[in-house]
Amino acid sequence: MHCSRIRTALSARLDGEALPPGLTPRRLDDHLAGCRDCRQWDVRARALDSAIGSACAPQGDAPPPAGGPAPVEALLARLRPGRRAG
């Protein structure tokens, strides 16, 4: 199994999406057990997802749950021109 396909599946799983056709959760986990590079990629992807969630949370609020497009969309909305930081 190619690591690029595994990483696509890891991204899908992190976002709460369905895995690519022909790839089961067990196959994904089996690959991770034997592939250090993909395990490290997964750790970095989860950390990035968490950081984006934290950056999107209004000050004083808890960050939104990990995964899905909402954290990215919220961050982009905060970065659009004309919006005052606050």
PDB file of N, CA and C in Angstrom:
ATOM      1  N   MET A   1       0.857  -1.179   0.000  1.00  0.00           N
ATOM      2  CA  MET A   1       0.000   0.000   0.000  1.00  0.00           C
ATOM      3  C   MET A   1       0.899   1.237   0.000  1.00  0.00           C
ATOM      4  N   HIS A   2       0.584   2.167  -0.864  1.00  0.00           N
ATOM      5  CA  HIS A   2       1.361   3.405  -0.970  1.00  0.00           C
ATOM      6  C   HIS A   2       1.021   4.350   0.178  1.00  0.00           C
ATOM      7  N   CYS A   3       2.042   4.972   0.718  1.00  0.00           N
ATOM      8  CA  CYS A   3       1.845   5.894   1.836  1.00  0.00           C
ATOM      9  C   CYS A   3       0.950   7.071   1.453  1.00  0.00           C
ATOM     10  N   SER A   4       1.005   7.524   0.208  1.00  0.00           N
ATOM     11  CA  SER A   4       0.162   8.655  -0.194  1.00  0.00           C
ATOM     12  C   SER A   4      -1.317   8.302  -0.057  1.00  0.00           C
ATOM     13  N   ARG A   5      -1.661   7.079  -0.362  1.00  0.00           N
ATOM     14  CA  ARG A   5      -3.058   6.647  -0.214  1.00  0.00           C
ATOM     15  C   ARG A   5      -3.437   6.552   1.269  1.00  0.00           C
ATOM     16  N   ILE A   6      -2.515   6.086   2.075  1.00  0.00           N
ATOM     17  CA  ILE A   6      -2.762   6.005   3.515  1.00  0.00           C
ATOM     18  C   ILE A   6      -2.955   7.408   4.091  1.00  0.00           C
ATOM     19  N   ARG A   7      -2.143   8.344   3.660  1.00  0.00           N
ATOM     20  CA  ARG A   7      -2.247   9.707   4.189  1.00  0.00           C
ATOM     21  C   ARG A   7      -3.542  10.384   3.755  1.00  0.00           C
ATOM     22  N   THR A   8      -4.005  10.067   2.563  1.00  0.00           N
ATOM     23  CA  THR A   8      -5.316  10.557   2.130  1.00  0.00           C
ATOM     24  C   THR A   8      -6.394  10.006   3.052  1.00  0.00           C
ATOM     25  N   ALA A   9      -6.277   8.726   3.391  1.00  0.00           N
ATOM     26  CA  ALA A   9      -7.247   8.095   4.288  1.00  0.00           C
ATOM     27  C   ALA A   9      -7.156   8.678   5.694  1.00  0.00           C
ATOM     28  N   LEU A  10      -5.960   8.945   6.165  1.00  0.00           N
ATOM     29  CA  LEU A  10      -5.799   9.553   7.489  1.00  0.00           C
ATOM     30  C   LEU A  10      -6.445  10.933   7.534  1.00  0.00           C
ATOM     31  N   SER A  11      -6.271  11.691   6.481  1.00  0.00           N
ATOM     32  CA  SER A  11      -6.889  13.008   6.401  1.00  0.00           C
ATOM     33  C   SER A  11      -8.411  12.892   6.416  1.00  0.00           C
ATOM     34  N   ALA A  12      -8.924  11.939   5.658  1.00  0.00           N
ATOM     35  CA  ALA A  12     -10.374  11.724   5.634  1.00  0.00           C
ATOM     36  C   ALA A  12     -10.882  11.347   7.023  1.00  0.00           C
ATOM     37  N   ARG A  13     -10.180  10.441   7.673  1.00  0.00           N
ATOM     38  CA  ARG A  13     -10.600  10.007   9.014  1.00  0.00           C
ATOM     39  C   ARG A  13     -10.560  11.180   9.990  1.00  0.00           C
ATOM     40  N   LEU A  14      -9.543  11.996   9.920  1.00  0.00           N
ATOM     41  CA  LEU A  14      -9.426  13.156  10.799  1.00  0.00           C
ATOM     42  C   LEU A  14     -10.582  14.131  10.579  1.00  0.00           C
ATOM     43  N   ASP A  15     -11.020  14.261   9.328  1.00  0.00           N
ATOM     44  CA  ASP A  15     -12.117  15.169   8.987  1.00  0.00           C
ATOM     45  C   ASP A  15     -13.494  14.544   9.174  1.00  0.00           C
ATOM     46  N   GLY A  16     -13.540  13.286   9.609  1.00  0.00           N
ATOM     47  CA  GLY A  16     -14.819  12.616   9.804  1.00  0.00           C
ATOM     48  C   GLY A  16     -15.451  12.152   8.506  1.00  0.00           C
ATOM     49  N   GLU A  17     -14.647  12.040   7.455  1.00  0.00           N
ATOM     50  CA  GLU A  17     -15.144  11.599   6.150  1.00  0.00           C
ATOM     51  C   GLU A  17     -14.959  10.093   6.001  1.00  0.00           C
ATOM     52  N   ALA A  18     -15.618   9.539   4.997  1.00  0.00           N
ATOM     53  CA  ALA A  18     -15.471   8.115   4.693  1.00  0.00           C
ATOM     54  C   ALA A  18     -14.068   7.842   4.160  1.00  0.00           C
ATOM     55  N   LEU A  19     -13.572   6.656   4.450  1.00  0.00           N
ATOM     56  CA  LEU A  19     -12.274   6.255   3.908  1.00  0.00           C
ATOM     57  C   LEU A  19     -12.400   5.999   2.414  1.00  0.00           C
ATOM     58  N   PRO A  20     -11.299   6.126   1.681  1.00  0.00           N
ATOM     59  CA  PRO A  20     -11.335   5.831   0.245  1.00  0.00           C
ATOM     60  C   PRO A  20     -11.794   4.391   0.004  1.00  0.00           C
ATOM     61  N   PRO A  21     -12.413   4.131  -1.141  1.00  0.00           N
ATOM     62  CA  PRO A  21     -12.885   2.778  -1.454  1.00  0.00           C
ATOM     63  C   PRO A  21     -11.748   1.759  -1.353  1.00  0.00           C
ATOM     64  N   GLY A  22     -12.075   0.615  -0.777  1.00  0.00           N
ATOM     65  CA  GLY A  22     -11.113  -0.475  -0.665  1.00  0.00           C
ATOM     66  C   GLY A  22     -10.188  -0.379   0.530  1.00  0.00           C
ATOM     67  N   LEU A  23     -10.312   0.668   1.311  1.00  0.00           N
ATOM     68  CA  LEU A  23      -9.445   0.830   2.479  1.00  0.00           C
ATOM     69  C   LEU A  23     -10.303   0.781   3.736  1.00  0.00           C
ATOM     70  N   THR A  24     -10.040  -0.185   4.590  1.00  0.00           N
ATOM     71  CA  THR A  24     -10.805  -0.350   5.826  1.00  0.00           C
ATOM     72  C   THR A  24     -10.038   0.266   6.994  1.00  0.00           C
ATOM     73  N   PRO A  25     -10.740   0.563   8.075  1.00  0.00           N
ATOM     74  CA  PRO A  25     -10.036   1.077   9.256  1.00  0.00           C
ATOM     75  C   PRO A  25      -8.930   0.122   9.723  1.00  0.00           C
ATOM     76  N   ARG A  26      -9.194  -1.174   9.644  1.00  0.00           N
ATOM     77  CA  ARG A  26      -8.179  -2.146  10.074  1.00  0.00           C
ATOM     78  C   ARG A  26      -6.933  -2.080   9.190  1.00  0.00           C
ATOM     79  N   ARG A  27      -7.121  -1.997   7.880  1.00  0.00           N
ATOM     80  CA  ARG A  27      -5.964  -1.893   6.979  1.00  0.00           C
ATOM     81  C   ARG A  27      -5.180  -0.620   7.246  1.00  0.00           C
ATOM     82  N   LEU A  28      -5.898   0.443   7.511  1.00  0.00           N
ATOM     83  CA  LEU A  28      -5.249   1.712   7.821  1.00  0.00           C
ATOM     84  C   LEU A  28      -4.416   1.582   9.096  1.00  0.00           C
ATOM     85  N   ASP A  29      -5.011   1.025  10.131  1.00  0.00           N
ATOM     86  CA  ASP A  29      -4.297   0.853  11.395  1.00  0.00           C
ATOM     87  C   ASP A  29      -3.128  -0.122  11.261  1.00  0.00           C
ATOM     88  N   ASP A  30      -3.302  -1.172  10.468  1.00  0.00           N
ATOM     89  CA  ASP A  30      -2.203  -2.119  10.235  1.00  0.00           C
ATOM     90  C   ASP A  30      -1.027  -1.424   9.551  1.00  0.00           C
ATOM     91  N   HIS A  31      -1.324  -0.563   8.586  1.00  0.00           N
ATOM     92  CA  HIS A  31      -0.245   0.164   7.910  1.00  0.00           C
ATOM     93  C   HIS A  31       0.465   1.088   8.902  1.00  0.00           C
ATOM     94  N   LEU A  32      -0.310   1.794   9.711  1.00  0.00           N
ATOM     95  CA  LEU A  32       0.292   2.699  10.692  1.00  0.00           C
ATOM     96  C   LEU A  32       1.196   1.952  11.665  1.00  0.00           C
ATOM     97  N   ALA A  33       0.789   0.748  12.035  1.00  0.00           N
ATOM     98  CA  ALA A  33       1.594  -0.044  12.970  1.00  0.00           C
ATOM     99  C   ALA A  33       2.974  -0.355  12.397  1.00  0.00           C
ATOM    100  N   GLY A  34       3.062  -0.463  11.084  1.00  0.00           N
ATOM    101  CA  GLY A  34       4.327  -0.829  10.472  1.00  0.00           C
ATOM    102  C   GLY A  34       5.054   0.285   9.743  1.00  0.00           C
ATOM    103  N   CYS A  35       4.492   1.495   9.729  1.00  0.00           N
ATOM    104  CA  CYS A  35       5.103   2.581   8.952  1.00  0.00           C
ATOM    105  C   CYS A  35       5.330   3.807   9.840  1.00  0.00           C
ATOM    106  N   ARG A  36       6.553   3.996  10.225  1.00  0.00           N
ATOM    107  CA  ARG A  36       6.907   5.114  11.096  1.00  0.00           C
ATOM    108  C   ARG A  36       6.607   6.461  10.441  1.00  0.00           C
ATOM    109  N   ASP A  37       6.886   6.587   9.146  1.00  0.00           N
ATOM    110  CA  ASP A  37       6.654   7.858   8.454  1.00  0.00           C
ATOM    111  C   ASP A  37       5.182   8.252   8.485  1.00  0.00           C
ATOM    112  N   CYS A  38       4.300   7.300   8.249  1.00  0.00           N
ATOM    113  CA  CYS A  38       2.864   7.610   8.264  1.00  0.00           C
ATOM    114  C   CYS A  38       2.371   7.898   9.680  1.00  0.00           C
ATOM    115  N   ARG A  39       2.927   7.218  10.673  1.00  0.00           N
ATOM    116  CA  ARG A  39       2.562   7.528  12.064  1.00  0.00           C
ATOM    117  C   ARG A  39       2.950   8.964  12.398  1.00  0.00           C
ATOM    118  N   GLN A  40       4.145   9.366  11.988  1.00  0.00           N
ATOM    119  CA  GLN A  40       4.581  10.742  12.245  1.00  0.00           C
ATOM    120  C   GLN A  40       3.709  11.740  11.492  1.00  0.00           C
ATOM    121  N   TRP A  41       3.343  11.412  10.256  1.00  0.00           N
ATOM    122  CA  TRP A  41       2.474  12.276   9.471  1.00  0.00           C
ATOM    123  C   TRP A  41       1.135  12.446  10.188  1.00  0.00           C
ATOM    124  N   ASP A  42       0.601  11.351  10.726  1.00  0.00           N
ATOM    125  CA  ASP A  42      -0.677  11.383  11.436  1.00  0.00           C
ATOM    126  C   ASP A  42      -0.580  12.278  12.674  1.00  0.00           C
ATOM    127  N   VAL A  43       0.494  12.161  13.420  1.00  0.00           N
ATOM    128  CA  VAL A  43       0.686  13.001  14.611  1.00  0.00           C
ATOM    129  C   VAL A  43       0.729  14.476  14.217  1.00  0.00           C
ATOM    130  N   ARG A  44       1.468  14.791  13.166  1.00  0.00           N
ATOM    131  CA  ARG A  44       1.564  16.194  12.716  1.00  0.00           C
ATOM    132  C   ARG A  44       0.215  16.712  12.213  1.00  0.00           C
ATOM    133  N   ALA A  45      -0.526  15.873  11.490  1.00  0.00           N
ATOM    134  CA  ALA A  45      -1.838  16.293  10.977  1.00  0.00           C
ATOM    135  C   ALA A  45      -2.805  16.566  12.123  1.00  0.00           C
ATOM    136  N   ARG A  46      -2.787  15.720  13.140  1.00  0.00           N
ATOM    137  CA  ARG A  46      -3.662  15.930  14.302  1.00  0.00           C
ATOM    138  C   ARG A  46      -3.276  17.203  15.058  1.00  0.00           C
ATOM    139  N   ALA A  47      -1.981  17.448  15.175  1.00  0.00           N
ATOM    140  CA  ALA A  47      -1.519  18.662  15.857  1.00  0.00           C
ATOM    141  C   ALA A  47      -1.943  19.909  15.084  1.00  0.00           C
ATOM    142  N   LEU A  48      -1.829  19.867  13.765  1.00  0.00           N
ATOM    143  CA  LEU A  48      -2.246  20.995  12.938  1.00  0.00           C
ATOM    144  C   LEU A  48      -3.746  21.230  13.061  1.00  0.00           C
ATOM    145  N   ASP A  49      -4.526  20.158  13.039  1.00  0.00           N
ATOM    146  CA  ASP A  49      -5.976  20.276  13.179  1.00  0.00           C
ATOM    147  C   ASP A  49      -6.331  20.918  14.522  1.00  0.00           C
ATOM    148  N   SER A  50      -5.641  20.508  15.566  1.00  0.00           N
ATOM    149  CA  SER A  50      -5.881  21.072  16.891  1.00  0.00           C
ATOM    150  C   SER A  50      -5.483  22.548  16.946  1.00  0.00           C
ATOM    151  N   ALA A  51      -4.349  22.883  16.332  1.00  0.00           N
ATOM    152  CA  ALA A  51      -3.895  24.277  16.324  1.00  0.00           C
ATOM    153  C   ALA A  51      -4.868  25.170  15.564  1.00  0.00           C
ATOM    154  N   ILE A  52      -5.379  24.681  14.455  1.00  0.00           N
ATOM    155  CA  ILE A  52      -6.360  25.458  13.688  1.00  0.00           C
ATOM    156  C   ILE A  52      -7.618  25.656  14.516  1.00  0.00           C
ATOM    157  N   GLY A  53      -8.063  24.595  15.191  1.00  0.00           N
ATOM    158  CA  GLY A  53      -9.242  24.709  16.046  1.00  0.00           C
ATOM    159  C   GLY A  53      -9.047  25.736  17.146  1.00  0.00           C
ATOM    160  N   SER A  54      -7.868  25.748  17.750  1.00  0.00           N
ATOM    161  CA  SER A  54      -7.579  26.715  18.810  1.00  0.00           C
ATOM    162  C   SER A  54      -7.509  28.134  18.264  1.00  0.00           C
ATOM    163  N   ALA A  55      -6.931  28.298  17.087  1.00  0.00           N
ATOM    164  CA  ALA A  55      -6.812  29.625  16.484  1.00  0.00           C
ATOM    165  C   ALA A  55      -8.169  30.187  16.091  1.00  0.00           C
ATOM    166  N   CYS A  56      -9.124  29.316  15.817  1.00  0.00           N
ATOM    167  CA  CYS A  56     -10.446  29.752  15.370  1.00  0.00           C
ATOM    168  C   CYS A  56     -11.375  30.079  16.523  1.00  0.00           C
ATOM    169  N   ALA A  57     -11.048  29.637  17.706  1.00  0.00           N
ATOM    170  CA  ALA A  57     -11.940  29.835  18.842  1.00  0.00           C
ATOM    171  C   ALA A  57     -11.874  31.285  19.305  1.00  0.00           C
ATOM    172  N   PRO A  58     -13.037  31.897  19.521  1.00  0.00           N
ATOM    173  CA  PRO A  58     -13.026  33.242  20.095  1.00  0.00           C
ATOM    174  C   PRO A  58     -12.324  33.194  21.453  1.00  0.00           C
ATOM    175  N   GLN A  59     -11.675  34.270  21.811  1.00  0.00           N
ATOM    176  CA  GLN A  59     -10.958  34.282  23.080  1.00  0.00           C
ATOM    177  C   GLN A  59     -11.909  33.977  24.218  1.00  0.00           C
ATOM    178  N   GLY A  60     -11.454  33.104  25.119  1.00  0.00           N
ATOM    179  CA  GLY A  60     -12.259  32.739  26.273  1.00  0.00           C
ATOM    180  C   GLY A  60     -13.169  31.560  26.022  1.00  0.00           C
ATOM    181  N   ASP A  61     -13.317  31.147  24.770  1.00  0.00           N
ATOM    182  CA  ASP A  61     -14.159  30.000  24.453  1.00  0.00           C
ATOM    183  C   ASP A  61     -13.290  28.775  24.241  1.00  0.00           C
ATOM    184  N   ALA A  62     -13.888  27.631  24.418  1.00  0.00           N
ATOM    185  CA  ALA A  62     -13.189  26.382  24.114  1.00  0.00           C
ATOM    186  C   ALA A  62     -13.089  26.241  22.607  1.00  0.00           C
ATOM    187  N   PRO A  63     -12.011  25.625  22.118  1.00  0.00           N
ATOM    188  CA  PRO A  63     -11.895  25.425  20.670  1.00  0.00           C
ATOM    189  C   PRO A  63     -12.974  24.485  20.164  1.00  0.00           C
ATOM    190  N   PRO A  64     -13.352  24.616  18.890  1.00  0.00           N
ATOM    191  CA  PRO A  64     -14.353  23.719  18.333  1.00  0.00           C
ATOM    192  C   PRO A  64     -13.801  22.306  18.268  1.00  0.00           C
ATOM    193  N   PRO A  65     -14.691  21.304  18.158  1.00  0.00           N
ATOM    194  CA  PRO A  65     -14.215  19.931  18.056  1.00  0.00           C
ATOM    195  C   PRO A  65     -13.304  19.763  16.847  1.00  0.00           C
ATOM    196  N   ALA A  66     -12.353  18.850  16.960  1.00  0.00           N
ATOM    197  CA  ALA A  66     -11.418  18.596  15.860  1.00  0.00           C
ATOM    198  C   ALA A  66     -12.143  17.989  14.675  1.00  0.00           C
ATOM    199  N   GLY A  67     -11.625  18.263  13.509  1.00  0.00           N
ATOM    200  CA  GLY A  67     -12.146  17.660  12.287  1.00  0.00           C
ATOM    201  C   GLY A  67     -13.194  18.521  11.620  1.00  0.00           C
ATOM    202  N   GLY A  68     -13.416  18.245  10.369  1.00  0.00           N
ATOM    203  CA  GLY A  68     -14.424  18.950   9.604  1.00  0.00           C
ATOM    204  C   GLY A  68     -13.935  20.294   9.113  1.00  0.00           C
ATOM    205  N   PRO A  69     -14.683  20.885   8.209  1.00  0.00           N
ATOM    206  CA  PRO A  69     -14.251  22.144   7.610  1.00  0.00           C
ATOM    207  C   PRO A  69     -14.507  23.367   8.480  1.00  0.00           C
ATOM    208  N   ALA A  70     -15.331  23.269   9.508  1.00  0.00           N
ATOM    209  CA  ALA A  70     -15.708  24.441  10.294  1.00  0.00           C
ATOM    210  C   ALA A  70     -14.514  25.206  10.855  1.00  0.00           C
ATOM    211  N   PRO A  71     -13.503  24.551  11.451  1.00  0.00           N
ATOM    212  CA  PRO A  71     -12.376  25.329  11.970  1.00  0.00           C
ATOM    213  C   PRO A  71     -11.645  26.119  10.896  1.00  0.00           C
ATOM    214  N   VAL A  72     -11.446  25.531   9.748  1.00  0.00           N
ATOM    215  CA  VAL A  72     -10.739  26.219   8.667  1.00  0.00           C
ATOM    216  C   VAL A  72     -11.568  27.393   8.167  1.00  0.00           C
ATOM    217  N   GLU A  73     -12.863  27.181   7.985  1.00  0.00           N
ATOM    218  CA  GLU A  73     -13.735  28.259   7.515  1.00  0.00           C
ATOM    219  C   GLU A  73     -13.769  29.408   8.517  1.00  0.00           C
ATOM    220  N   ALA A  74     -13.804  29.096   9.805  1.00  0.00           N
ATOM    221  CA  ALA A  74     -13.813  30.145  10.823  1.00  0.00           C
ATOM    222  C   ALA A  74     -12.511  30.935  10.808  1.00  0.00           C
ATOM    223  N   LEU A  75     -11.397  30.234  10.642  1.00  0.00           N
ATOM    224  CA  LEU A  75     -10.110  30.921  10.579  1.00  0.00           C
ATOM    225  C   LEU A  75     -10.035  31.823   9.357  1.00  0.00           C
ATOM    226  N   LEU A  76     -10.478  31.339   8.213  1.00  0.00           N
ATOM    227  CA  LEU A  76     -10.463  32.158   6.999  1.00  0.00           C
ATOM    228  C   LEU A  76     -11.343  33.389   7.156  1.00  0.00           C
ATOM    229  N   ALA A  77     -12.486  33.240   7.807  1.00  0.00           N
ATOM    230  CA  ALA A  77     -13.372  34.383   8.024  1.00  0.00           C
ATOM    231  C   ALA A  77     -12.688  35.441   8.889  1.00  0.00           C
ATOM    232  N   ARG A  78     -11.911  34.996   9.868  1.00  0.00           N
ATOM    233  CA  ARG A  78     -11.208  35.947  10.737  1.00  0.00           C
ATOM    234  C   ARG A  78     -10.081  36.659  10.009  1.00  0.00           C
ATOM    235  N   LEU A  79      -9.568  36.056   8.947  1.00  0.00           N
ATOM    236  CA  LEU A  79      -8.438  36.629   8.228  1.00  0.00           C
ATOM    237  C   LEU A  79      -8.843  37.483   7.034  1.00  0.00           C
ATOM    238  N   ARG A  80     -10.113  37.504   6.686  1.00  0.00           N
ATOM    239  CA  ARG A  80     -10.557  38.268   5.518  1.00  0.00           C
ATOM    240  C   ARG A  80     -10.330  39.763   5.734  1.00  0.00           C
ATOM    241  N   PRO A  81      -9.971  40.468   4.656  1.00  0.00           N
ATOM    242  CA  PRO A  81      -9.760  41.919   4.763  1.00  0.00           C
ATOM    243  C   PRO A  81     -11.025  42.618   5.253  1.00  0.00           C
ATOM    244  N   GLY A  82     -10.821  43.670   6.013  1.00  0.00           N
ATOM    245  CA  GLY A  82     -11.947  44.460   6.489  1.00  0.00           C
ATOM    246  C   GLY A  82     -12.485  44.009   7.827  1.00  0.00           C
ATOM    247  N   ARG A  83     -12.069  42.870   8.301  1.00  0.00           N
ATOM    248  CA  ARG A  83     -12.529  42.391   9.600  1.00  0.00           C
ATOM    249  C   ARG A  83     -11.545  42.847  10.656  1.00  0.00           C
ATOM    250  N   ARG A  84     -12.056  43.468  11.671  1.00  0.00           N
ATOM    251  CA  ARG A  84     -11.193  43.953  12.743  1.00  0.00           C
ATOM    252  C   ARG A  84     -10.905  42.834  13.720  1.00  0.00           C
ATOM    253  N   ALA A  85      -9.664  42.761  14.159  1.00  0.00           N
ATOM    254  CA  ALA A  85      -9.297  41.772  15.178  1.00  0.00           C
ATOM    255  C   ALA A  85      -9.954  42.162  16.483  1.00  0.00           C
ATOM    256  N   GLY A  86     -10.350  41.169  17.237  1.00  0.00           N
ATOM    257  CA  GLY A  86     -10.970  41.548  18.480  1.00  0.00           C
ATOM    258  C   GLY A  86     -11.166  40.417  19.319  1.00  0.00           C
TER     259      GLY A  86
END
